[in-house]
C-alpha cells in the first residue's frame, strides 16, 4: 500500500480546516479527495450548509474525507468531526488503502474527532 501524500496540497488542506475553525468564516465543512489515481489528498469542496449539505456531496464511487463543525450536545461547544467515506462502488484494494490513510489524516488535522 502506498502512503498518503498530505504535503502537495498542504496549504489548501490546512486553510480549509482553519476556515471551519474561524468564527468569522461562514464555512462549516470541507470535503477532501484524492487527486486522480494518486494518493495526494486535496480539497474538493467546502460550504456553510452544515452536515446535511456535506452529506449530499458523498459519492458511491469515491473515497472522501470530510471535516465538519458541529455543536456538542450538552456543552453547546463547537467541535470539528472528521468523516471517512468510502463509497460502495470503490474496489476492495482501494478501500483497504484508504482505511490505512485515516490515522495520518487525523494526525495532520490534529484537532478533529473521528
PDB file of N, CA and C in Angstrom:
ATOM      1  N   UNK A   1       0.838  -1.199   0.000  1.00  0.00           N
ATOM      2  CA  UNK A   1       0.000   0.000   0.000  1.00  0.00           C
ATOM      3  C   UNK A   1       0.872   1.248   0.000  1.00  0.00           C
ATOM      4  N   UNK A   2       0.465   2.185  -0.798  1.00  0.00           N
ATOM      5  CA  UNK A   2       1.193   3.446  -0.871  1.00  0.00           C
ATOM      6  C   UNK A   2       0.714   4.393   0.224  1.00  0.00           C
ATOM      7  N   UNK A   3       1.632   5.132   0.847  1.00  0.00           N
ATOM      8  CA  UNK A   3       1.221   6.098   1.880  1.00  0.00           C
ATOM      9  C   UNK A   3       0.509   7.299   1.259  1.00  0.00           C
ATOM     10  N   UNK A   4      -0.227   7.993   2.064  1.00  0.00           N
ATOM     11  CA  UNK A   4      -0.915   9.204   1.608  1.00  0.00           C
ATOM     12  C   UNK A   4       0.077  10.359   1.530  1.00  0.00           C
ATOM     13  N   UNK A   5      -0.153  11.242   0.579  1.00  0.00           N
ATOM     14  CA  UNK A   5       0.668  12.440   0.425  1.00  0.00           C
ATOM     15  C   UNK A   5      -0.172  13.633   0.877  1.00  0.00           C
ATOM     16  N   UNK A   6       0.209  14.228   1.996  1.00  0.00           N
ATOM     17  CA  UNK A   6      -0.500  15.397   2.525  1.00  0.00           C
ATOM     18  C   UNK A   6       0.279  16.684   2.311  1.00  0.00           C
ATOM     19  N   UNK A   7       1.433  16.584   1.669  1.00  0.00           N
ATOM     20  CA  UNK A   7       2.272  17.770   1.510  1.00  0.00           C
ATOM     21  C   UNK A   7       2.007  18.556   0.227  1.00  0.00           C
ATOM     22  N   UNK A   8       1.635  17.892  -0.863  1.00  0.00           N
ATOM     23  CA  UNK A   8       1.438  18.589  -2.138  1.00  0.00           C
ATOM     24  C   UNK A   8       0.414  19.715  -2.018  1.00  0.00           C
ATOM     25  N   UNK A   9      -0.697  19.442  -1.375  1.00  0.00           N
ATOM     26  CA  UNK A   9      -1.777  20.431  -1.229  1.00  0.00           C
ATOM     27  C   UNK A   9      -1.948  20.874   0.223  1.00  0.00           C
ATOM     28  N   UNK A  10      -0.882  20.793   1.015  1.00  0.00           N
ATOM     29  CA  UNK A  10      -0.995  21.056   2.455  1.00  0.00           C
ATOM     30  C   UNK A  10      -1.558  22.439   2.772  1.00  0.00           C
ATOM     31  N   UNK A  11      -1.197  23.455   2.015  1.00  0.00           N
ATOM     32  CA  UNK A  11      -1.688  24.806   2.294  1.00  0.00           C
ATOM     33  C   UNK A  11      -3.210  24.879   2.159  1.00  0.00           C
ATOM     34  N   UNK A  12      -3.764  24.332   1.089  1.00  0.00           N
ATOM     35  CA  UNK A  12      -5.224  24.391   0.919  1.00  0.00           C
ATOM     36  C   UNK A  12      -5.942  23.493   1.919  1.00  0.00           C
ATOM     37  N   UNK A  13      -5.329  22.367   2.296  1.00  0.00           N
ATOM     38  CA  UNK A  13      -5.935  21.486   3.301  1.00  0.00           C
ATOM     39  C   UNK A  13      -6.037  22.198   4.648  1.00  0.00           C
ATOM     40  N   UNK A  14      -4.933  22.804   5.077  1.00  0.00           N
ATOM     41  CA  UNK A  14      -4.912  23.491   6.374  1.00  0.00           C
ATOM     42  C   UNK A  14      -5.762  24.763   6.355  1.00  0.00           C
ATOM     43  N   UNK A  15      -5.787  25.466   5.241  1.00  0.00           N
ATOM     44  CA  UNK A  15      -6.618  26.669   5.132  1.00  0.00           C
ATOM     45  C   UNK A  15      -8.094  26.306   5.260  1.00  0.00           C
ATOM     46  N   UNK A  16      -8.495  25.202   4.643  1.00  0.00           N
ATOM     47  CA  UNK A  16      -9.888  24.752   4.747  1.00  0.00           C
ATOM     48  C   UNK A  16     -10.251  24.444   6.197  1.00  0.00           C
ATOM     49  N   UNK A  17      -9.344  23.775   6.912  1.00  0.00           N
ATOM     50  CA  UNK A  17      -9.597  23.474   8.328  1.00  0.00           C
ATOM     51  C   UNK A  17      -9.686  24.762   9.141  1.00  0.00           C
ATOM     52  N   UNK A  18      -8.778  25.691   8.904  1.00  0.00           N
ATOM     53  CA  UNK A  18      -8.784  26.952   9.646  1.00  0.00           C
ATOM     54  C   UNK A  18     -10.042  27.763   9.355  1.00  0.00           C
ATOM     55  N   UNK A  19     -10.545  27.705   8.127  1.00  0.00           N
ATOM     56  CA  UNK A  19     -11.800  28.391   7.793  1.00  0.00           C
ATOM     57  C   UNK A  19     -12.960  27.841   8.622  1.00  0.00           C
ATOM     58  N   UNK A  20     -12.970  26.530   8.827  1.00  0.00           N
ATOM     59  CA  UNK A  20     -14.027  25.911   9.633  1.00  0.00           C
ATOM     60  C   UNK A  20     -13.921  26.368  11.090  1.00  0.00           C
ATOM     61  N   UNK A  21     -12.701  26.507  11.590  1.00  0.00           N
ATOM     62  CA  UNK A  21     -12.487  26.924  12.980  1.00  0.00           C
ATOM     63  C   UNK A  21     -12.714  28.419  13.209  1.00  0.00           C
ATOM     64  N   UNK A  22     -12.589  29.207  12.176  1.00  0.00           N
ATOM     65  CA  UNK A  22     -12.678  30.664  12.282  1.00  0.00           C
ATOM     66  C   UNK A  22     -14.144  31.112  12.425  1.00  0.00           C
ATOM     67  N   UNK A  23     -14.508  31.736  13.553  1.00  0.00           N
ATOM     68  CA  UNK A  23     -15.892  32.176  13.736  1.00  0.00           C
ATOM     69  C   UNK A  23     -16.317  33.268  12.748  1.00  0.00           C
ATOM     70  N   UNK A  24     -15.359  33.949  12.130  1.00  0.00           N
ATOM     71  CA  UNK A  24     -15.690  34.984  11.149  1.00  0.00           C
ATOM     72  C   UNK A  24     -15.942  34.413   9.755  1.00  0.00           C
ATOM     73  N   UNK A  25     -15.611  33.150   9.562  1.00  0.00           N
ATOM     74  CA  UNK A  25     -15.819  32.485   8.276  1.00  0.00           C
ATOM     75  C   UNK A  25     -17.190  31.811   8.263  1.00  0.00           C
ATOM     76  N   UNK A  26     -17.842  31.830   7.126  1.00  0.00           N
ATOM     77  CA  UNK A  26     -19.145  31.160   7.021  1.00  0.00           C
ATOM     78  C   UNK A  26     -18.986  29.659   6.785  1.00  0.00           C
ATOM     79  N   UNK A  27     -17.812  29.221   6.367  1.00  0.00           N
ATOM     80  CA  UNK A  27     -17.595  27.800   6.078  1.00  0.00           C
ATOM     81  C   UNK A  27     -17.697  26.974   7.358  1.00  0.00           C
ATOM     82  N   UNK A  28     -18.455  25.873   7.289  1.00  0.00           N
ATOM     83  CA  UNK A  28     -18.512  24.979   8.441  1.00  0.00           C
ATOM     84  C   UNK A  28     -18.257  23.521   8.052  1.00  0.00           C
ATOM     85  N   UNK A  29     -17.874  23.301   6.800  1.00  0.00           N
ATOM     86  CA  UNK A  29     -17.458  21.972   6.393  1.00  0.00           C
ATOM     87  C   UNK A  29     -16.502  22.065   5.200  1.00  0.00           C
ATOM     88  N   UNK A  30     -15.714  21.010   5.037  1.00  0.00           N
ATOM     89  CA  UNK A  30     -14.803  20.886   3.899  1.00  0.00           C
ATOM     90  C   UNK A  30     -14.746  19.419   3.505  1.00  0.00           C
ATOM     91  N   UNK A  31     -14.579  19.186   2.220  1.00  0.00           N
ATOM     92  CA  UNK A  31     -14.537  17.826   1.695  1.00  0.00           C
ATOM     93  C   UNK A  31     -13.230  17.639   0.927  1.00  0.00           C
ATOM     94  N   UNK A  32     -12.583  16.510   1.176  1.00  0.00           N
ATOM     95  CA  UNK A  32     -11.283  16.215   0.580  1.00  0.00           C
ATOM     96  C   UNK A  32     -11.346  14.904  -0.178  1.00  0.00           C
ATOM     97  N   UNK A  33     -10.568  14.827  -1.261  1.00  0.00           N
ATOM     98  CA  UNK A  33     -10.498  13.610  -2.061  1.00  0.00           C
ATOM     99  C   UNK A  33      -9.085  13.457  -2.599  1.00  0.00           C
ATOM    100  N   UNK A  34      -8.867  12.369  -3.297  1.00  0.00           N
ATOM    101  CA  UNK A  34      -7.564  12.131  -3.893  1.00  0.00           C
ATOM    102  C   UNK A  34      -7.494  12.799  -5.267  1.00  0.00           C
ATOM    103  N   UNK A  35      -6.309  13.238  -5.619  1.00  0.00           N
ATOM    104  CA  UNK A  35      -6.069  13.866  -6.913  1.00  0.00           C
ATOM    105  C   UNK A  35      -5.896  12.760  -7.959  1.00  0.00           C
ATOM    106  N   UNK A  36      -6.961  12.471  -8.684  1.00  0.00           N
ATOM    107  CA  UNK A  36      -6.929  11.396  -9.681  1.00  0.00           C
ATOM    108  C   UNK A  36      -6.634  10.051  -9.051  1.00  0.00           C
ATOM    109  N   UNK A  37      -5.722   9.306  -9.669  1.00  0.00           N
ATOM    110  CA  UNK A  37      -5.367   7.972  -9.178  1.00  0.00           C
ATOM    111  C   UNK A  37      -4.205   8.018  -8.182  1.00  0.00           C
ATOM    112  N   UNK A  38      -3.798   9.209  -7.777  1.00  0.00           N
ATOM    113  CA  UNK A  38      -2.689   9.342  -6.832  1.00  0.00           C
ATOM    114  C   UNK A  38      -3.199   9.227  -5.399  1.00  0.00           C
ATOM    115  N   UNK A  39      -2.291   9.269  -4.457  1.00  0.00           N
ATOM    116  CA  UNK A  39      -2.643   9.332  -3.037  1.00  0.00           C
ATOM    117  C   UNK A  39      -2.418  10.740  -2.498  1.00  0.00           C
ATOM    118  N   UNK A  40      -2.448  11.733  -3.380  1.00  0.00           N
ATOM    119  CA  UNK A  40      -2.324  13.136  -2.977  1.00  0.00           C
ATOM    120  C   UNK A  40      -3.698  13.645  -2.556  1.00  0.00           C
ATOM    121  N   UNK A  41      -3.847  13.956  -1.276  1.00  0.00           N
ATOM    122  CA  UNK A  41      -5.135  14.445  -0.790  1.00  0.00           C
ATOM    123  C   UNK A  41      -5.276  15.924  -1.114  1.00  0.00           C
ATOM    124  N   UNK A  42      -6.454  16.310  -1.629  1.00  0.00           N
ATOM    125  CA  UNK A  42      -6.703  17.706  -1.982  1.00  0.00           C
ATOM    126  C   UNK A  42      -8.114  18.106  -1.571  1.00  0.00           C
ATOM    127  N   UNK A  43      -8.310  19.410  -1.426  1.00  0.00           N
ATOM    128  CA  UNK A  43      -9.629  19.967  -1.144  1.00  0.00           C
ATOM    129  C   UNK A  43     -10.463  19.877  -2.410  1.00  0.00           C
ATOM    130  N   UNK A  44     -11.701  19.369  -2.288  1.00  0.00           N
ATOM    131  CA  UNK A  44     -12.552  19.328  -3.475  1.00  0.00           C
ATOM    132  C   UNK A  44     -13.794  20.197  -3.332  1.00  0.00           C
ATOM    133  N   UNK A  45     -14.177  20.571  -2.102  1.00  0.00           N
ATOM    134  CA  UNK A  45     -15.353  21.421  -1.923  1.00  0.00           C
ATOM    135  C   UNK A  45     -15.415  21.883  -0.468  1.00  0.00           C
ATOM    136  N   UNK A  46     -16.165  22.942  -0.227  1.00  0.00           N
ATOM    137  CA  UNK A  46     -16.438  23.411   1.136  1.00  0.00           C
ATOM    138  C   UNK A  46     -17.742  24.186   1.093  1.00  0.00           C
ATOM    139  N   UNK A  47     -18.310  24.420   2.263  1.00  0.00           N
ATOM    140  CA  UNK A  47     -19.574  25.138   2.296  1.00  0.00           C
ATOM    141  C   UNK A  47     -19.989  25.547   3.685  1.00  0.00           C
ATOM    142  N   UNK A  48     -21.190  26.134   3.755  1.00  0.00           N
ATOM    143  CA  UNK A  48     -21.718  26.669   5.009  1.00  0.00           C
ATOM    144  C   UNK A  48     -23.042  26.026   5.401  1.00  0.00           C
ATOM    145  N   UNK A  49     -23.435  24.956   4.733  1.00  0.00           N
ATOM    146  CA  UNK A  49     -24.741  24.341   4.964  1.00  0.00           C
ATOM    147  C   UNK A  49     -24.775  23.210   5.961  1.00  0.00           C
ATOM    148  N   UNK A  50     -23.692  23.017   6.705  1.00  0.00           N
ATOM    149  CA  UNK A  50     -23.676  22.020   7.761  1.00  0.00           C
ATOM    150  C   UNK A  50     -23.611  20.579   7.281  1.00  0.00           C
ATOM    151  N   UNK A  51     -23.902  19.675   8.215  1.00  0.00           N
ATOM    152  CA  UNK A  51     -23.787  18.244   7.964  1.00  0.00           C
ATOM    153  C   UNK A  51     -24.663  17.800   6.801  1.00  0.00           C
ATOM    154  N   UNK A  52     -25.869  18.316   6.710  1.00  0.00           N
ATOM    155  CA  UNK A  52     -26.778  17.905   5.633  1.00  0.00           C
ATOM    156  C   UNK A  52     -26.196  18.226   4.257  1.00  0.00           C
ATOM    157  N   UNK A  53     -25.643  19.411   4.120  1.00  0.00           N
ATOM    158  CA  UNK A  53     -25.044  19.791   2.840  1.00  0.00           C
ATOM    159  C   UNK A  53     -23.815  18.935   2.542  1.00  0.00           C
ATOM    160  N   UNK A  54     -22.990  18.708   3.545  1.00  0.00           N
ATOM    161  CA  UNK A  54     -21.808  17.873   3.371  1.00  0.00           C
ATOM    162  C   UNK A  54     -22.202  16.459   2.961  1.00  0.00           C
ATOM    163  N   UNK A  55     -23.179  15.877   3.636  1.00  0.00           N
ATOM    164  CA  UNK A  55     -23.602  14.504   3.349  1.00  0.00           C
ATOM    165  C   UNK A  55     -24.088  14.351   1.911  1.00  0.00           C
ATOM    166  N   UNK A  56     -24.687  15.390   1.362  1.00  0.00           N
ATOM    167  CA  UNK A  56     -25.178  15.337  -0.018  1.00  0.00           C
ATOM    168  C   UNK A  56     -24.038  15.262  -1.035  1.00  0.00           C
ATOM    169  N   UNK A  57     -22.824  15.562  -0.621  1.00  0.00           N
ATOM    170  CA  UNK A  57     -21.661  15.560  -1.511  1.00  0.00           C
ATOM    171  C   UNK A  57     -20.992  14.188  -1.626  1.00  0.00           C
ATOM    172  N   UNK A  58     -21.309  13.259  -0.725  1.00  0.00           N
ATOM    173  CA  UNK A  58     -20.676  11.943  -0.772  1.00  0.00           C
ATOM    174  C   UNK A  58     -21.112  11.198  -2.029  1.00  0.00           C
ATOM    175  N   UNK A  59     -20.192  10.419  -2.603  1.00  0.00           N
ATOM    176  CA  UNK A  59     -20.417   9.745  -3.878  1.00  0.00           C
ATOM    177  C   UNK A  59     -20.121   8.255  -3.725  1.00  0.00           C
ATOM    178  N   UNK A  60     -20.948   7.404  -4.347  1.00  0.00           N
ATOM    179  CA  UNK A  60     -20.795   5.955  -4.189  1.00  0.00           C
ATOM    180  C   UNK A  60     -19.504   5.407  -4.796  1.00  0.00           C
ATOM    181  N   UNK A  61     -18.895   6.146  -5.713  1.00  0.00           N
ATOM    182  CA  UNK A  61     -17.716   5.640  -6.388  1.00  0.00           C
ATOM    183  C   UNK A  61     -16.406   6.250  -5.944  1.00  0.00           C
ATOM    184  N   UNK A  62     -16.427   7.017  -4.841  1.00  0.00           N
ATOM    185  CA  UNK A  62     -15.206   7.732  -4.445  1.00  0.00           C
ATOM    186  C   UNK A  62     -14.937   7.620  -2.952  1.00  0.00           C
ATOM    187  N   UNK A  63     -13.651   7.563  -2.596  1.00  0.00           N
ATOM    188  CA  UNK A  63     -13.295   7.724  -1.187  1.00  0.00           C
ATOM    189  C   UNK A  63     -13.186   9.227  -0.910  1.00  0.00           C
ATOM    190  N   UNK A  64     -13.784   9.663   0.177  1.00  0.00           N
ATOM    191  CA  UNK A  64     -13.798  11.080   0.544  1.00  0.00           C
ATOM    192  C   UNK A  64     -13.591  11.212   2.041  1.00  0.00           C
ATOM    193  N   UNK A  65     -13.093  12.369   2.429  1.00  0.00           N
ATOM    194  CA  UNK A  65     -12.899  12.682   3.842  1.00  0.00           C
ATOM    195  C   UNK A  65     -13.514  14.045   4.082  1.00  0.00           C
ATOM    196  N   UNK A  66     -14.322  14.162   5.116  1.00  0.00           N
ATOM    197  CA  UNK A  66     -14.954  15.429   5.423  1.00  0.00           C
ATOM    198  C   UNK A  66     -14.563  15.937   6.795  1.00  0.00           C
ATOM    199  N   UNK A  67     -14.506  17.246   6.916  1.00  0.00           N
ATOM    200  CA  UNK A  67     -14.389  17.909   8.212  1.00  0.00           C
ATOM    201  C   UNK A  67     -15.630  18.770   8.351  1.00  0.00           C
ATOM    202  N   UNK A  68     -16.262  18.711   9.509  1.00  0.00           N
ATOM    203  CA  UNK A  68     -17.478  19.484   9.708  1.00  0.00           C
ATOM    204  C   UNK A  68     -17.547  19.975  11.148  1.00  0.00           C
ATOM    205  N   UNK A  69     -17.958  21.222  11.294  1.00  0.00           N
ATOM    206  CA  UNK A  69     -18.153  21.769  12.631  1.00  0.00           C
ATOM    207  C   UNK A  69     -19.569  21.426  13.091  1.00  0.00           C
ATOM    208  N   UNK A  70     -19.667  20.844  14.269  1.00  0.00           N
ATOM    209  CA  UNK A  70     -20.952  20.505  14.885  1.00  0.00           C
ATOM    210  C   UNK A  70     -20.966  21.056  16.302  1.00  0.00           C
ATOM    211  N   UNK A  71     -22.135  21.121  16.887  1.00  0.00           N
ATOM    212  CA  UNK A  71     -22.269  21.564  18.270  1.00  0.00           C
ATOM    213  C   UNK A  71     -22.385  20.343  19.162  1.00  0.00           C
ATOM    214  N   UNK A  72     -21.536  20.275  20.171  1.00  0.00           N
ATOM    215  CA  UNK A  72     -21.552  19.139  21.097  1.00  0.00           C
ATOM    216  C   UNK A  72     -22.808  19.183  21.951  1.00  0.00           C
ATOM    217  N   UNK A  73     -23.516  18.052  22.047  1.00  0.00           N
ATOM    218  CA  UNK A  73     -24.694  18.012  22.908  1.00  0.00           C
ATOM    219  C   UNK A  73     -24.300  18.268  24.364  1.00  0.00           C
ATOM    220  N   UNK A  74     -25.130  18.964  25.061  1.00  0.00           N
ATOM    221  CA  UNK A  74     -24.861  19.244  26.471  1.00  0.00           C
ATOM    222  C   UNK A  74     -24.057  20.502  26.686  1.00  0.00           C
ATOM    223  N   UNK A  75     -22.853  20.540  26.130  1.00  0.00           N
ATOM    224  CA  UNK A  75     -21.981  21.693  26.373  1.00  0.00           C
ATOM    225  C   UNK A  75     -22.255  22.845  25.411  1.00  0.00           C
ATOM    226  N   UNK A  76     -22.768  22.531  24.228  1.00  0.00           N
ATOM    227  CA  UNK A  76     -23.002  23.572  23.236  1.00  0.00           C
ATOM    228  C   UNK A  76     -21.728  24.084  22.583  1.00  0.00           C
ATOM    229  N   UNK A  77     -20.601  23.452  22.894  1.00  0.00           N
ATOM    230  CA  UNK A  77     -19.315  23.863  22.347  1.00  0.00           C
ATOM    231  C   UNK A  77     -19.156  23.356  20.909  1.00  0.00           C
ATOM    232  N   UNK A  78     -18.534  24.153  20.063  1.00  0.00           N
ATOM    233  CA  UNK A  78     -18.286  23.681  18.697  1.00  0.00           C
ATOM    234  C   UNK A  78     -17.203  22.604  18.682  1.00  0.00           C
ATOM    235  N   UNK A  79     -17.395  21.614  17.856  1.00  0.00           N
ATOM    236  CA  UNK A  79     -16.429  20.530  17.680  1.00  0.00           C
ATOM    237  C   UNK A  79     -16.242  20.324  16.188  1.00  0.00           C
ATOM    238  N   UNK A  80     -15.043  19.886  15.823  1.00  0.00           N
ATOM    239  CA  UNK A  80     -14.768  19.520  14.448  1.00  0.00           C
ATOM    240  C   UNK A  80     -14.721  17.997  14.393  1.00  0.00           C
ATOM    241  N   UNK A  81     -15.523  17.416  13.524  1.00  0.00           N
ATOM    242  CA  UNK A  81     -15.526  15.969  13.351  1.00  0.00           C
ATOM    243  C   UNK A  81     -14.972  15.634  11.973  1.00  0.00           C
ATOM    244  N   UNK A  82     -14.307  14.500  11.904  1.00  0.00           N
ATOM    245  CA  UNK A  82     -13.789  14.012  10.635  1.00  0.00           C
ATOM    246  C   UNK A  82     -14.611  12.815  10.206  1.00  0.00           C
ATOM    247  N   UNK A  83     -15.007  12.809   8.945  1.00  0.00           N
ATOM    248  CA  UNK A  83     -15.805  11.713   8.396  1.00  0.00           C
ATOM    249  C   UNK A  83     -14.972  11.016   7.329  1.00  0.00           C
ATOM    250  N   UNK A  84     -14.867   9.713   7.447  1.00  0.00           N
ATOM    251  CA  UNK A  84     -14.174   8.895   6.458  1.00  0.00           C
ATOM    252  C   UNK A  84     -15.256   8.192   5.649  1.00  0.00           C
ATOM    253  N   UNK A  85     -15.370   8.525   4.355  1.00  0.00           N
ATOM    254  CA  UNK A  85     -16.393   7.943   3.490  1.00  0.00           C
ATOM    255  C   UNK A  85     -15.716   7.170   2.370  1.00  0.00           C
ATOM    256  N   UNK A  86     -16.093   5.914   2.213  1.00  0.00           N
ATOM    257  CA  UNK A  86     -15.643   5.127   1.067  1.00  0.00           C
ATOM    258  C   UNK A  86     -16.906   4.558   0.436  1.00  0.00           C
ATOM    259  N   UNK A  87     -17.247   5.067  -0.741  1.00  0.00           N
ATOM    260  CA  UNK A  87     -18.475   4.659  -1.417  1.00  0.00           C
ATOM    261  C   UNK A  87     -18.512   3.171  -1.714  1.00  0.00           C
ATOM    262  N   UNK A  88     -19.717   2.649  -1.824  1.00  0.00           N
ATOM    263  CA  UNK A  88     -19.903   1.210  -2.007  1.00  0.00           C
ATOM    264  C   UNK A  88     -19.345   0.680  -3.326  1.00  0.00           C
ATOM    265  N   UNK A  89     -19.113   1.540  -4.307  1.00  0.00           N
ATOM    266  CA  UNK A  89     -18.562   1.092  -5.583  1.00  0.00           C
ATOM    267  C   UNK A  89     -17.028   1.152  -5.646  1.00  0.00           C
ATOM    268  N   UNK A  90     -16.393   1.582  -4.573  1.00  0.00           N
ATOM    269  CA  UNK A  90     -14.929   1.628  -4.522  1.00  0.00           C
ATOM    270  C   UNK A  90     -14.414   0.198  -4.375  1.00  0.00           C
ATOM    271  N   UNK A  91     -13.426  -0.154  -5.193  1.00  0.00           N
ATOM    272  CA  UNK A  91     -12.857  -1.507  -5.178  1.00  0.00           C
ATOM    273  C   UNK A  91     -12.219  -1.822  -3.827  1.00  0.00           C
ATOM    274  N   UNK A  92     -12.257  -3.093  -3.444  1.00  0.00           N
ATOM    275  CA  UNK A  92     -11.760  -3.523  -2.132  1.00  0.00           C
ATOM    276  C   UNK A  92     -10.295  -3.156  -1.878  1.00  0.00           C
ATOM    277  N   UNK A  93      -9.377  -3.347  -2.828  1.00  0.00           N
ATOM    278  CA  UNK A  93      -7.990  -2.947  -2.538  1.00  0.00           C
ATOM    279  C   UNK A  93      -7.862  -1.452  -2.227  1.00  0.00           C
ATOM    280  N   UNK A  94      -8.627  -0.627  -2.942  1.00  0.00           N
ATOM    281  CA  UNK A  94      -8.580   0.821  -2.691  1.00  0.00           C
ATOM    282  C   UNK A  94      -9.207   1.144  -1.335  1.00  0.00           C
ATOM    283  N   UNK A  95     -10.257   0.418  -0.956  1.00  0.00           N
ATOM    284  CA  UNK A  95     -10.890   0.608   0.358  1.00  0.00           C
ATOM    285  C   UNK A  95      -9.870   0.399   1.472  1.00  0.00           C
ATOM    286  N   UNK A  96      -9.116  -0.696   1.366  1.00  0.00           N
ATOM    287  CA  UNK A  96      -8.110  -1.016   2.383  1.00  0.00           C
ATOM    288  C   UNK A  96      -7.032   0.054   2.436  1.00  0.00           C
ATOM    289  N   UNK A  97      -6.597   0.501   1.260  1.00  0.00           N
ATOM    290  CA  UNK A  97      -5.558   1.528   1.207  1.00  0.00           C
ATOM    291  C   UNK A  97      -6.052   2.818   1.857  1.00  0.00           C
ATOM    292  N   UNK A  98      -7.282   3.220   1.552  1.00  0.00           N
ATOM    293  CA  UNK A  98      -7.841   4.449   2.124  1.00  0.00           C
ATOM    294  C   UNK A  98      -7.993   4.338   3.640  1.00  0.00           C
ATOM    295  N   UNK A  99      -8.404   3.170   4.113  1.00  0.00           N
ATOM    296  CA  UNK A  99      -8.530   2.964   5.562  1.00  0.00           C
ATOM    297  C   UNK A  99      -7.177   3.123   6.250  1.00  0.00           C
ATOM    298  N   UNK A 100      -6.111   2.707   5.573  1.00  0.00           N
ATOM    299  CA  UNK A 100      -4.781   2.838   6.170  1.00  0.00           C
ATOM    300  C   UNK A 100      -4.324   4.302   6.229  1.00  0.00           C
ATOM    301  N   UNK A 101      -4.969   5.190   5.480  1.00  0.00           N
ATOM    302  CA  UNK A 101      -4.603   6.607   5.468  1.00  0.00           C
ATOM    303  C   UNK A 101      -5.246   7.412   6.605  1.00  0.00           C
ATOM    304  N   UNK A 102      -6.301   6.886   7.211  1.00  0.00           N
ATOM    305  CA  UNK A 102      -7.057   7.633   8.219  1.00  0.00           C
ATOM    306  C   UNK A 102      -6.193   8.135   9.377  1.00  0.00           C
ATOM    307  N   UNK A 103      -5.317   7.311   9.975  1.00  0.00           N
ATOM    308  CA  UNK A 103      -4.500   7.837  11.080  1.00  0.00           C
ATOM    309  C   UNK A 103      -3.623   9.023  10.671  1.00  0.00           C
ATOM    310  N   UNK A 104      -3.053   8.971   9.465  1.00  0.00           N
ATOM    311  CA  UNK A 104      -2.206  10.082   9.006  1.00  0.00           C
ATOM    312  C   UNK A 104      -3.035  11.342   8.772  1.00  0.00           C
ATOM    313  N   UNK A 105      -4.228  11.179   8.240  1.00  0.00           N
ATOM    314  CA  UNK A 105      -5.101  12.342   8.006  1.00  0.00           C
ATOM    315  C   UNK A 105      -5.520  12.952   9.336  1.00  0.00           C
ATOM    316  N   UNK A 106      -5.904  12.111  10.274  1.00  0.00           N
ATOM    317  CA  UNK A 106      -6.312  12.608  11.589  1.00  0.00           C
ATOM    318  C   UNK A 106      -5.157  13.342  12.272  1.00  0.00           C
ATOM    319  N   UNK A 107      -3.965  12.786  12.192  1.00  0.00           N
ATOM    320  CA  UNK A 107      -2.793  13.442  12.795  1.00  0.00           C
ATOM    321  C   UNK A 107      -2.509  14.778  12.107  1.00  0.00           C
ATOM    322  N   UNK A 108      -2.693  14.836  10.811  1.00  0.00           N
ATOM    323  CA  UNK A 108      -2.442  16.066  10.054  1.00  0.00           C
ATOM    324  C   UNK A 108      -3.410  17.173  10.492  1.00  0.00           C
ATOM    325  N   UNK A 109      -4.670  16.828  10.679  1.00  0.00           N
ATOM    326  CA  UNK A 109      -5.666  17.828  11.073  1.00  0.00           C
ATOM    327  C   UNK A 109      -5.728  18.045  12.585  1.00  0.00           C
ATOM    328  N   UNK A 110      -5.113  17.202  13.368  1.00  0.00           N
ATOM    329  CA  UNK A 110      -4.935  17.280  14.818  1.00  0.00           C
ATOM    330  C   UNK A 110      -6.195  17.470  15.656  1.00  0.00           C
ATOM    331  N   UNK A 111      -6.909  18.561  15.550  1.00  0.00           N
ATOM    332  CA  UNK A 111      -7.996  18.885  16.476  1.00  0.00           C
ATOM    333  C   UNK A 111      -9.327  18.248  16.100  1.00  0.00           C
ATOM    334  N   UNK A 112      -9.320  17.202  15.315  1.00  0.00           N
ATOM    335  CA  UNK A 112     -10.556  16.595  14.846  1.00  0.00           C
ATOM    336  C   UNK A 112     -10.879  15.331  15.636  1.00  0.00           C
ATOM    337  N   UNK A 113     -12.153  15.047  15.744  1.00  0.00           N
ATOM    338  CA  UNK A 113     -12.616  13.818  16.364  1.00  0.00           C
ATOM    339  C   UNK A 113     -13.102  12.900  15.261  1.00  0.00           C
ATOM    340  N   UNK A 114     -12.662  11.634  15.314  1.00  0.00           N
ATOM    341  CA  UNK A 114     -13.028  10.678  14.284  1.00  0.00           C
ATOM    342  C   UNK A 114     -14.293   9.971  14.669  1.00  0.00           C
TER     343      UNK A 114
END
